[in-house]
Amino acid sequence: MEQENDYRLAPVLEPEPEVMPVEMGEVPPLQNDIVDAAQPISPVKPALRATMREKRDALSEKERNAGVRRIIERLLQHPDVHRAKTVLLYANYGSEVATDELAKELMKRGKAVAYPKMTTVPGLMTLWRIKHLDALIPHKHGIRAPDVTRSAPIEPITLDCVIYPGLSFTKGLSRLGQGGGYYDRLSAKIADNCARIGVCFETQISDELPHEPHDAKVHWVVTEATVYPYVPDPPPPPVLIGAVAVDSPAPSAADAEAKPEPTEST
């Protein structure tokens, strides 16, 4: 892995303080309604979603299984996953990156594993910790979700790490979701130091994606090929002097040393 893509060189994220465990089957705590006013929808997103689904579906079973194994390996080696106490996963559907084996391994390592459950309120999910994968049952659109009678409700602020599904990501860490806005709205409720990791196959990586103010970004994107780190914003545009664009970088130490000292006039 190239050094600039080595997540082991990333800054350390401090974990959230410990919280008291919640017993299975308790009544869920009130979660604030995180549904925002309707946002303008980019006209190009539906076509992009269709294209990315086709790319993902085009992978052979052998390619997909090998890719999933490598993605799980990378996630388990990731320092933010390693130090997290509570991880939010998604229950994969169709040709998405499968997460069941990751969930089993995280549970073996003593981590709390939670999953979202869509509600009747558009864009709103509740979060539930499970202890066994058989607590996931078919729910809305056939996507598995926690059986609340065998799960414990948790609040977004208690999460240390969120694994984001996505139809596409960029190397600059923008995300294209399914269009429901569930993860965009969830992102507004998790702690600032909660690690946000997107996963997809390398074929789903885009050079650029339409990005709107309410679209969530992630800290990392993990594919079977590599781990993409955060790319900072580009530098400001050059200063225009007359009709000529002139870059104005700060003087280097060598420039400062080479500059002659002022002398007294005679």
C-alpha atoms as a PDB file:
ATOM      1  CA  MET A   1       0.000   0.000   0.000  1.00  0.00           C
ATOM      2  CA  GLU A   2       1.336   3.428  -0.898  1.00  0.00           C
ATOM      3  CA  GLN A   3       2.339   5.557   2.063  1.00  0.00           C
ATOM      4  CA  GLU A   4      -0.185   8.306   1.316  1.00  0.00           C
ATOM      5  CA  ASN A   5      -2.962   5.674   1.389  1.00  0.00           C
ATOM      6  CA  ASP A   6      -1.763   4.030   4.594  1.00  0.00           C
ATOM      7  CA  TYR A   7      -4.480   4.528   7.193  1.00  0.00           C
ATOM      8  CA  ARG A   8      -2.028   3.490   9.932  1.00  0.00           C
ATOM      9  CA  LEU A   9      -0.435   6.930   9.628  1.00  0.00           C
ATOM     10  CA  ALA A  10      -3.742   8.685  10.341  1.00  0.00           C
ATOM     11  CA  PRO A  11      -4.438  10.784  13.455  1.00  0.00           C
ATOM     12  CA  VAL A  12      -5.784   8.849  16.405  1.00  0.00           C
ATOM     13  CA  LEU A  13      -9.471   9.350  17.167  1.00  0.00           C
ATOM     14  CA  GLU A  14     -10.262   9.265  20.867  1.00  0.00           C
ATOM     15  CA  PRO A  15     -13.048   6.821  21.772  1.00  0.00           C
ATOM     16  CA  GLU A  16     -16.289   7.947  23.325  1.00  0.00           C
ATOM     17  CA  PRO A  17     -16.564   7.497  27.118  1.00  0.00           C
ATOM     18  CA  GLU A  18     -18.172   4.278  28.267  1.00  0.00           C
ATOM     19  CA  VAL A  19     -21.932   4.223  28.682  1.00  0.00           C
ATOM     20  CA  MET A  20     -24.092   1.941  30.776  1.00  0.00           C
ATOM     21  CA  PRO A  21     -25.327  -1.084  28.785  1.00  0.00           C
ATOM     22  CA  VAL A  22     -28.993  -1.317  27.897  1.00  0.00           C
ATOM     23  CA  GLU A  23     -30.837  -4.550  28.552  1.00  0.00           C
ATOM     24  CA  MET A  24     -32.334  -6.398  25.618  1.00  0.00           C
ATOM     25  CA  GLY A  25     -35.999  -5.717  24.947  1.00  0.00           C
ATOM     26  CA  GLU A  26     -36.222  -2.374  26.739  1.00  0.00           C
ATOM     27  CA  VAL A  27     -38.445   0.337  25.317  1.00  0.00           C
ATOM     28  CA  PRO A  28     -36.331   2.407  22.889  1.00  0.00           C
ATOM     29  CA  PRO A  29     -35.225   5.831  24.112  1.00  0.00           C
ATOM     30  CA  LEU A  30     -36.659   8.831  22.330  1.00  0.00           C
ATOM     31  CA  GLN A  31     -34.530   9.745  19.343  1.00  0.00           C
ATOM     32  CA  ASN A  32     -34.859  13.259  18.027  1.00  0.00           C
ATOM     33  CA  ASP A  33     -36.576  13.555  14.698  1.00  0.00           C
ATOM     34  CA  ILE A  34     -33.657  14.136  12.367  1.00  0.00           C
ATOM     35  CA  VAL A  35     -35.711  14.623   9.241  1.00  0.00           C
ATOM     36  CA  ASP A  36     -34.793  17.876   7.546  1.00  0.00           C
ATOM     37  CA  ALA A  37     -36.866  19.899   5.146  1.00  0.00           C
ATOM     38  CA  ALA A  38     -36.970  18.472   1.651  1.00  0.00           C
ATOM     39  CA  GLN A  39     -33.683  19.078  -0.138  1.00  0.00           C
ATOM     40  CA  PRO A  40     -33.257  19.743  -3.865  1.00  0.00           C
ATOM     41  CA  ILE A  41     -32.429  16.532  -5.714  1.00  0.00           C
ATOM     42  CA  SER A  42     -29.643  16.467  -8.292  1.00  0.00           C
ATOM     43  CA  PRO A  43     -31.081  15.397 -11.670  1.00  0.00           C
ATOM     44  CA  VAL A  44     -27.960  13.336 -12.462  1.00  0.00           C
ATOM     45  CA  LYS A  45     -28.045  11.182  -9.323  1.00  0.00           C
ATOM     46  CA  PRO A  46     -30.677   8.657 -10.484  1.00  0.00           C
ATOM     47  CA  ALA A  47     -28.667   7.855 -13.614  1.00  0.00           C
ATOM     48  CA  LEU A  48     -25.475   7.532 -11.574  1.00  0.00           C
ATOM     49  CA  ARG A  49     -27.191   5.178  -9.143  1.00  0.00           C
ATOM     50  CA  ALA A  50     -28.355   2.958 -11.993  1.00  0.00           C
ATOM     51  CA  THR A  51     -24.851   2.900 -13.497  1.00  0.00           C
ATOM     52  CA  MET A  52     -23.200   1.998 -10.207  1.00  0.00           C
ATOM     53  CA  ARG A  53     -25.702  -0.771  -9.489  1.00  0.00           C
ATOM     54  CA  GLU A  54     -24.939  -2.230 -12.909  1.00  0.00           C
ATOM     55  CA  LYS A  55     -21.191  -2.113 -12.230  1.00  0.00           C
ATOM     56  CA  ARG A  56     -21.621  -3.794  -8.863  1.00  0.00           C
ATOM     57  CA  ASP A  57     -24.006  -6.419 -10.237  1.00  0.00           C
ATOM     58  CA  ALA A  58     -21.580  -7.169 -13.082  1.00  0.00           C
ATOM     59  CA  LEU A  59     -18.984  -8.570 -10.681  1.00  0.00           C
ATOM     60  CA  SER A  60     -18.816 -12.359 -10.753  1.00  0.00           C
ATOM     61  CA  GLU A  61     -19.526 -14.275  -7.561  1.00  0.00           C
ATOM     62  CA  LYS A  62     -15.840 -15.174  -7.355  1.00  0.00           C
ATOM     63  CA  GLU A  63     -14.779 -11.529  -7.729  1.00  0.00           C
ATOM     64  CA  ARG A  64     -17.348 -10.374  -5.197  1.00  0.00           C
ATOM     65  CA  ASN A  65     -16.431 -12.976  -2.588  1.00  0.00           C
ATOM     66  CA  ALA A  66     -12.705 -12.277  -2.951  1.00  0.00           C
ATOM     67  CA  GLY A  67     -13.363  -8.547  -2.734  1.00  0.00           C
ATOM     68  CA  VAL A  68     -15.470  -8.925   0.402  1.00  0.00           C
ATOM     69  CA  ARG A  69     -12.757 -10.978   2.120  1.00  0.00           C
ATOM     70  CA  ARG A  70     -10.137  -8.335   1.359  1.00  0.00           C
ATOM     71  CA  ILE A  71     -12.397  -5.471   2.459  1.00  0.00           C
ATOM     72  CA  ILE A  72     -13.090  -7.227   5.779  1.00  0.00           C
ATOM     73  CA  GLU A  73      -9.365  -7.784   6.286  1.00  0.00           C
ATOM     74  CA  ARG A  74      -8.681  -4.104   5.736  1.00  0.00           C
ATOM     75  CA  LEU A  75     -11.490  -3.067   8.083  1.00  0.00           C
ATOM     76  CA  LEU A  76     -10.293  -5.362  10.867  1.00  0.00           C
ATOM     77  CA  GLN A  77      -6.781  -3.887  10.515  1.00  0.00           C
ATOM     78  CA  HIS A  78      -8.074  -0.322  10.542  1.00  0.00           C
ATOM     79  CA  PRO A  79      -7.060   1.453  13.781  1.00  0.00           C
ATOM     80  CA  ASP A  80     -10.431   3.189  14.150  1.00  0.00           C
ATOM     81  CA  VAL A  81     -12.267  -0.138  13.952  1.00  0.00           C
ATOM     82  CA  HIS A  82      -9.736  -1.752  16.261  1.00  0.00           C
ATOM     83  CA  ARG A  83     -10.248   0.787  19.045  1.00  0.00           C
ATOM     84  CA  ALA A  84     -14.023   1.233  18.608  1.00  0.00           C
ATOM     85  CA  LYS A  85     -16.267  -0.199  21.299  1.00  0.00           C
ATOM     86  CA  THR A  86     -19.569   0.216  19.441  1.00  0.00           C
ATOM     87  CA  VAL A  87     -19.770  -0.209  15.658  1.00  0.00           C
ATOM     88  CA  LEU A  88     -22.790   0.424  13.437  1.00  0.00           C
ATOM     89  CA  LEU A  89     -22.982  -1.942  10.463  1.00  0.00           C
ATOM     90  CA  TYR A  90     -25.526  -2.268   7.675  1.00  0.00           C
ATOM     91  CA  ALA A  91     -27.262  -5.497   6.692  1.00  0.00           C
ATOM     92  CA  ASN A  92     -26.167  -6.049   3.104  1.00  0.00           C
ATOM     93  CA  TYR A  93     -28.761  -6.517   0.394  1.00  0.00           C
ATOM     94  CA  GLY A  94     -28.335  -7.814  -3.143  1.00  0.00           C
ATOM     95  CA  SER A  95     -24.821  -7.314  -4.500  1.00  0.00           C
ATOM     96  CA  GLU A  96     -23.679  -4.948  -1.725  1.00  0.00           C
ATOM     97  CA  VAL A  97     -20.452  -5.663   0.152  1.00  0.00           C
ATOM     98  CA  ALA A  98     -21.472  -8.424   2.587  1.00  0.00           C
ATOM     99  CA  THR A  99     -20.985  -7.624   6.274  1.00  0.00           C
ATOM    100  CA  ASP A 100     -22.094 -10.760   8.165  1.00  0.00           C
ATOM    101  CA  GLU A 101     -18.584 -12.184   8.576  1.00  0.00           C
ATOM    102  CA  LEU A 102     -17.346  -8.792   9.733  1.00  0.00           C
ATOM    103  CA  ALA A 103     -20.125  -8.667  12.341  1.00  0.00           C
ATOM    104  CA  LYS A 104     -19.231 -12.143  13.645  1.00  0.00           C
ATOM    105  CA  GLU A 105     -15.564 -11.228  14.010  1.00  0.00           C
ATOM    106  CA  LEU A 106     -16.333  -7.925  15.750  1.00  0.00           C
ATOM    107  CA  MET A 107     -18.580  -9.738  18.228  1.00  0.00           C
ATOM    108  CA  LYS A 108     -15.819 -12.292  18.880  1.00  0.00           C
ATOM    109  CA  ARG A 109     -13.542  -9.393  19.747  1.00  0.00           C
ATOM    110  CA  GLY A 110     -16.022  -8.163  22.343  1.00  0.00           C
ATOM    111  CA  LYS A 111     -17.328  -5.161  20.424  1.00  0.00           C
ATOM    112  CA  ALA A 112     -20.938  -4.013  20.504  1.00  0.00           C
ATOM    113  CA  VAL A 113     -22.463  -4.334  17.036  1.00  0.00           C
ATOM    114  CA  ALA A 114     -25.544  -2.351  16.074  1.00  0.00           C
ATOM    115  CA  TYR A 115     -27.756  -2.112  13.002  1.00  0.00           C
ATOM    116  CA  PRO A 116     -30.250   0.513  11.795  1.00  0.00           C
ATOM    117  CA  LYS A 117     -33.979  -0.005  11.430  1.00  0.00           C
ATOM    118  CA  MET A 118     -35.993   2.248   9.120  1.00  0.00           C
ATOM    119  CA  THR A 119     -39.102   3.812  10.603  1.00  0.00           C
ATOM    120  CA  THR A 120     -42.349   5.035   9.068  1.00  0.00           C
ATOM    121  CA  VAL A 121     -40.913   8.576   9.201  1.00  0.00           C
ATOM    122  CA  PRO A 122     -39.025   9.248   5.939  1.00  0.00           C
ATOM    123  CA  GLY A 123     -35.277   9.472   6.521  1.00  0.00           C
ATOM    124  CA  LEU A 124     -35.417   8.381  10.166  1.00  0.00           C
ATOM    125  CA  MET A 125     -33.697   5.257  11.467  1.00  0.00           C
ATOM    126  CA  THR A 126     -33.533   3.856  14.968  1.00  0.00           C
ATOM    127  CA  LEU A 127     -30.409   1.954  16.038  1.00  0.00           C
ATOM    128  CA  TRP A 128     -30.342  -1.412  17.812  1.00  0.00           C
ATOM    129  CA  ARG A 129     -27.548  -3.496  19.268  1.00  0.00           C
ATOM    130  CA  ILE A 130     -27.735  -7.217  18.558  1.00  0.00           C
ATOM    131  CA  LYS A 131     -25.821 -10.117  20.070  1.00  0.00           C
ATOM    132  CA  HIS A 132     -26.492 -12.680  17.318  1.00  0.00           C
ATOM    133  CA  LEU A 133     -27.090 -12.339  13.590  1.00  0.00           C
ATOM    134  CA  ASP A 134     -30.304 -14.331  13.856  1.00  0.00           C
ATOM    135  CA  ALA A 135     -31.784 -11.198  15.472  1.00  0.00           C
ATOM    136  CA  LEU A 136     -31.827  -9.667  11.971  1.00  0.00           C
ATOM    137  CA  ILE A 137     -35.102 -10.344  10.184  1.00  0.00           C
ATOM    138  CA  PRO A 138     -36.555  -9.154   6.812  1.00  0.00           C
ATOM    139  CA  HIS A 139     -37.954  -5.646   7.081  1.00  0.00           C
ATOM    140  CA  LYS A 140     -38.680  -2.747   4.727  1.00  0.00           C
ATOM    141  CA  HIS A 141     -37.813  -3.453   1.058  1.00  0.00           C
ATOM    142  CA  GLY A 142     -36.674  -6.921   2.173  1.00  0.00           C
ATOM    143  CA  ILE A 143     -33.606  -5.474   3.912  1.00  0.00           C
ATOM    144  CA  ARG A 144     -32.798  -7.219   7.200  1.00  0.00           C
ATOM    145  CA  ALA A 145     -33.220  -5.174  10.365  1.00  0.00           C
ATOM    146  CA  PRO A 146     -33.098  -5.939  14.098  1.00  0.00           C
ATOM    147  CA  ASP A 147     -35.985  -7.749  15.744  1.00  0.00           C
ATOM    148  CA  VAL A 148     -36.658  -5.274  18.565  1.00  0.00           C
ATOM    149  CA  THR A 149     -37.707  -8.064  20.935  1.00  0.00           C
ATOM    150  CA  ARG A 150     -34.165  -9.450  20.752  1.00  0.00           C
ATOM    151  CA  SER A 151     -32.234  -6.187  20.485  1.00  0.00           C
ATOM    152  CA  ALA A 152     -31.224  -3.244  22.653  1.00  0.00           C
ATOM    153  CA  PRO A 153     -31.872   0.333  21.487  1.00  0.00           C
ATOM    154  CA  ILE A 154     -28.928   2.730  21.392  1.00  0.00           C
ATOM    155  CA  GLU A 155     -28.491   6.396  20.578  1.00  0.00           C
ATOM    156  CA  PRO A 156     -26.318   7.669  17.667  1.00  0.00           C
ATOM    157  CA  ILE A 157     -24.073   9.633  20.041  1.00  0.00           C
ATOM    158  CA  THR A 158     -22.828   6.364  21.597  1.00  0.00           C
ATOM    159  CA  LEU A 159     -21.310   5.095  18.346  1.00  0.00           C
ATOM    160  CA  ASP A 160     -17.535   4.998  17.927  1.00  0.00           C
ATOM    161  CA  CYS A 161     -17.538   3.864  14.295  1.00  0.00           C
ATOM    162  CA  VAL A 162     -20.105   3.785  11.474  1.00  0.00           C
ATOM    163  CA  ILE A 163     -19.651   1.593   8.398  1.00  0.00           C
ATOM    164  CA  TYR A 164     -21.442   3.359   5.531  1.00  0.00           C
ATOM    165  CA  PRO A 165     -22.899   1.546   2.534  1.00  0.00           C
ATOM    166  CA  GLY A 166     -22.866   3.434  -0.728  1.00  0.00           C
ATOM    167  CA  LEU A 167     -23.472   3.038  -4.431  1.00  0.00           C
ATOM    168  CA  SER A 168     -20.338   5.081  -5.099  1.00  0.00           C
ATOM    169  CA  PHE A 169     -17.630   7.034  -3.323  1.00  0.00           C
ATOM    170  CA  THR A 170     -14.845   9.308  -4.542  1.00  0.00           C
ATOM    171  CA  LYS A 171     -11.222   9.352  -3.441  1.00  0.00           C
ATOM    172  CA  GLY A 172     -12.110  12.716  -1.930  1.00  0.00           C
ATOM    173  CA  LEU A 173     -14.629  10.815   0.262  1.00  0.00           C
ATOM    174  CA  SER A 174     -17.923  12.035  -1.173  1.00  0.00           C
ATOM    175  CA  ARG A 175     -20.733   9.476  -1.074  1.00  0.00           C
ATOM    176  CA  LEU A 176     -23.650   8.532  -3.307  1.00  0.00           C
ATOM    177  CA  GLY A 177     -26.348   6.692  -1.362  1.00  0.00           C
ATOM    178  CA  GLN A 178     -29.645   5.116  -2.331  1.00  0.00           C
ATOM    179  CA  GLY A 179     -31.445   8.458  -2.178  1.00  0.00           C
ATOM    180  CA  GLY A 180     -33.426   8.103   1.046  1.00  0.00           C
ATOM    181  CA  GLY A 181     -31.180  10.436   3.027  1.00  0.00           C
ATOM    182  CA  TYR A 182     -31.056   8.062   6.011  1.00  0.00           C
ATOM    183  CA  TYR A 183     -27.297   8.126   6.474  1.00  0.00           C
ATOM    184  CA  ASP A 184     -27.021  11.828   5.678  1.00  0.00           C
ATOM    185  CA  ARG A 185     -29.395  12.585   8.540  1.00  0.00           C
ATOM    186  CA  LEU A 186     -27.794  10.032  10.857  1.00  0.00           C
ATOM    187  CA  SER A 187     -24.421  11.715  10.271  1.00  0.00           C
ATOM    188  CA  ALA A 188     -25.753  14.884  11.886  1.00  0.00           C
ATOM    189  CA  LYS A 189     -26.395  12.955  15.116  1.00  0.00           C
ATOM    190  CA  ILE A 190     -23.174  11.037  15.666  1.00  0.00           C
ATOM    191  CA  ALA A 191     -20.208  12.392  17.633  1.00  0.00           C
ATOM    192  CA  ASP A 192     -17.525  14.413  15.844  1.00  0.00           C
ATOM    193  CA  ASN A 193     -14.904  11.821  16.802  1.00  0.00           C
ATOM    194  CA  CYS A 194     -16.978   8.887  15.552  1.00  0.00           C
ATOM    195  CA  ALA A 195     -15.057   7.247  12.690  1.00  0.00           C
ATOM    196  CA  ARG A 196     -17.022   7.240   9.417  1.00  0.00           C
ATOM    197  CA  ILE A 197     -15.890   4.530   7.008  1.00  0.00           C
ATOM    198  CA  GLY A 198     -17.447   3.921   3.605  1.00  0.00           C
ATOM    199  CA  VAL A 199     -17.152   0.531   1.921  1.00  0.00           C
ATOM    200  CA  CYS A 200     -17.622  -0.448  -1.705  1.00  0.00           C
ATOM    201  CA  PHE A 201     -15.922  -2.363  -4.485  1.00  0.00           C
ATOM    202  CA  GLU A 202     -13.190  -0.596  -6.419  1.00  0.00           C
ATOM    203  CA  THR A 203     -15.362  -0.567  -9.539  1.00  0.00           C
ATOM    204  CA  GLN A 204     -17.766   1.739  -7.660  1.00  0.00           C
ATOM    205  CA  ILE A 205     -15.149   4.475  -7.116  1.00  0.00           C
ATOM    206  CA  SER A 206     -15.918   7.641  -9.124  1.00  0.00           C
ATOM    207  CA  ASP A 207     -13.674  10.529 -10.074  1.00  0.00           C
ATOM    208  CA  GLU A 208     -16.372  12.935  -8.917  1.00  0.00           C
ATOM    209  CA  LEU A 209     -19.935  12.923  -7.647  1.00  0.00           C
ATOM    210  CA  PRO A 210     -22.594  15.635  -7.377  1.00  0.00           C
ATOM    211  CA  HIS A 211     -22.404  16.916  -3.812  1.00  0.00           C
ATOM    212  CA  GLU A 212     -25.072  18.931  -2.048  1.00  0.00           C
ATOM    213  CA  PRO A 213     -24.788  20.674   1.338  1.00  0.00           C
ATOM    214  CA  HIS A 214     -26.781  17.984   3.158  1.00  0.00           C
ATOM    215  CA  ASP A 215     -24.717  15.089   1.714  1.00  0.00           C
ATOM    216  CA  ALA A 216     -22.528  13.406   4.316  1.00  0.00           C
ATOM    217  CA  LYS A 217     -18.840  12.725   3.729  1.00  0.00           C
ATOM    218  CA  VAL A 218     -16.799   9.955   5.309  1.00  0.00           C
ATOM    219  CA  HIS A 219     -13.303   9.863   6.828  1.00  0.00           C
ATOM    220  CA  TRP A 220     -12.166   6.774   4.909  1.00  0.00           C
ATOM    221  CA  VAL A 221     -13.259   4.623   1.987  1.00  0.00           C
ATOM    222  CA  VAL A 222     -12.253   0.952   2.049  1.00  0.00           C
ATOM    223  CA  THR A 223     -12.246  -1.142  -1.113  1.00  0.00           C
ATOM    224  CA  GLU A 224     -10.624  -4.469  -1.950  1.00  0.00           C
ATOM    225  CA  ALA A 225      -7.769  -2.518  -3.558  1.00  0.00           C
ATOM    226  CA  THR A 226      -6.859   0.101  -0.965  1.00  0.00           C
ATOM    227  CA  VAL A 227      -7.967   2.502   1.748  1.00  0.00           C
ATOM    228  CA  TYR A 228      -8.584   6.057   0.606  1.00  0.00           C
ATOM    229  CA  PRO A 229      -7.751   8.771   3.183  1.00  0.00           C
ATOM    230  CA  TYR A 230      -9.197  12.235   3.487  1.00  0.00           C
ATOM    231  CA  VAL A 231      -8.141  14.600   0.700  1.00  0.00           C
ATOM    232  CA  PRO A 232      -7.970  18.230   1.869  1.00  0.00           C
ATOM    233  CA  ASP A 233      -9.704  21.024   0.023  1.00  0.00           C
ATOM    234  CA  PRO A 234      -7.735  22.455  -2.922  1.00  0.00           C
ATOM    235  CA  PRO A 235      -5.615  25.579  -2.323  1.00  0.00           C
ATOM    236  CA  PRO A 236      -7.191  28.984  -2.974  1.00  0.00           C
ATOM    237  CA  PRO A 237      -7.072  30.279  -6.561  1.00  0.00           C
ATOM    238  CA  PRO A 238      -4.097  32.420  -7.633  1.00  0.00           C
ATOM    239  CA  VAL A 239      -4.160  36.179  -7.138  1.00  0.00           C
ATOM    240  CA  LEU A 240      -4.907  38.143 -10.308  1.00  0.00           C
ATOM    241  CA  ILE A 241      -2.503  41.013 -11.018  1.00  0.00           C
ATOM    242  CA  GLY A 242      -3.713  42.860 -14.070  1.00  0.00           C
ATOM    243  CA  ALA A 243      -4.489  40.165 -16.601  1.00  0.00           C
ATOM    244  CA  VAL A 244      -1.855  37.746 -15.325  1.00  0.00           C
ATOM    245  CA  ALA A 245      -2.530  35.060 -12.706  1.00  0.00           C
ATOM    246  CA  VAL A 246       0.251  34.998 -10.139  1.00  0.00           C
ATOM    247  CA  ASP A 247       0.622  32.336  -7.473  1.00  0.00           C
ATOM    248  CA  SER A 248       1.605  33.815  -4.145  1.00  0.00           C
ATOM    249  CA  PRO A 249       3.064  31.074  -1.949  1.00  0.00           C
ATOM    250  CA  ALA A 250       4.501  31.922   1.423  1.00  0.00           C
ATOM    251  CA  PRO A 251       8.292  32.491   1.288  1.00  0.00           C
ATOM    252  CA  SER A 252      10.361  29.473   2.170  1.00  0.00           C
ATOM    253  CA  ALA A 253      13.082  29.383   4.794  1.00  0.00           C
ATOM    254  CA  ALA A 254      15.681  29.280   2.021  1.00  0.00           C
ATOM    255  CA  ASP A 255      14.195  32.403   0.444  1.00  0.00           C
ATOM    256  CA  ALA A 256      14.329  34.187   3.774  1.00  0.00           C
ATOM    257  CA  GLU A 257      17.995  33.285   4.239  1.00  0.00           C
ATOM    258  CA  ALA A 258      18.896  34.354   0.722  1.00  0.00           C
ATOM    259  CA  LYS A 259      17.259  37.772   1.073  1.00  0.00           C
ATOM    260  CA  PRO A 260      19.991  40.427   1.603  1.00  0.00           C
ATOM    261  CA  GLU A 261      19.972  42.492   4.787  1.00  0.00           C
ATOM    262  CA  PRO A 262      18.991  46.154   4.330  1.00  0.00           C
ATOM    263  CA  THR A 263      21.899  48.616   4.417  1.00  0.00           C
ATOM    264  CA  GLU A 264      22.023  52.227   5.494  1.00  0.00           C
ATOM    265  CA  SER A 265      22.002  54.758   2.669  1.00  0.00           C
ATOM    266  CA  THR A 266      25.109  56.908   2.320  1.00  0.00           C
END
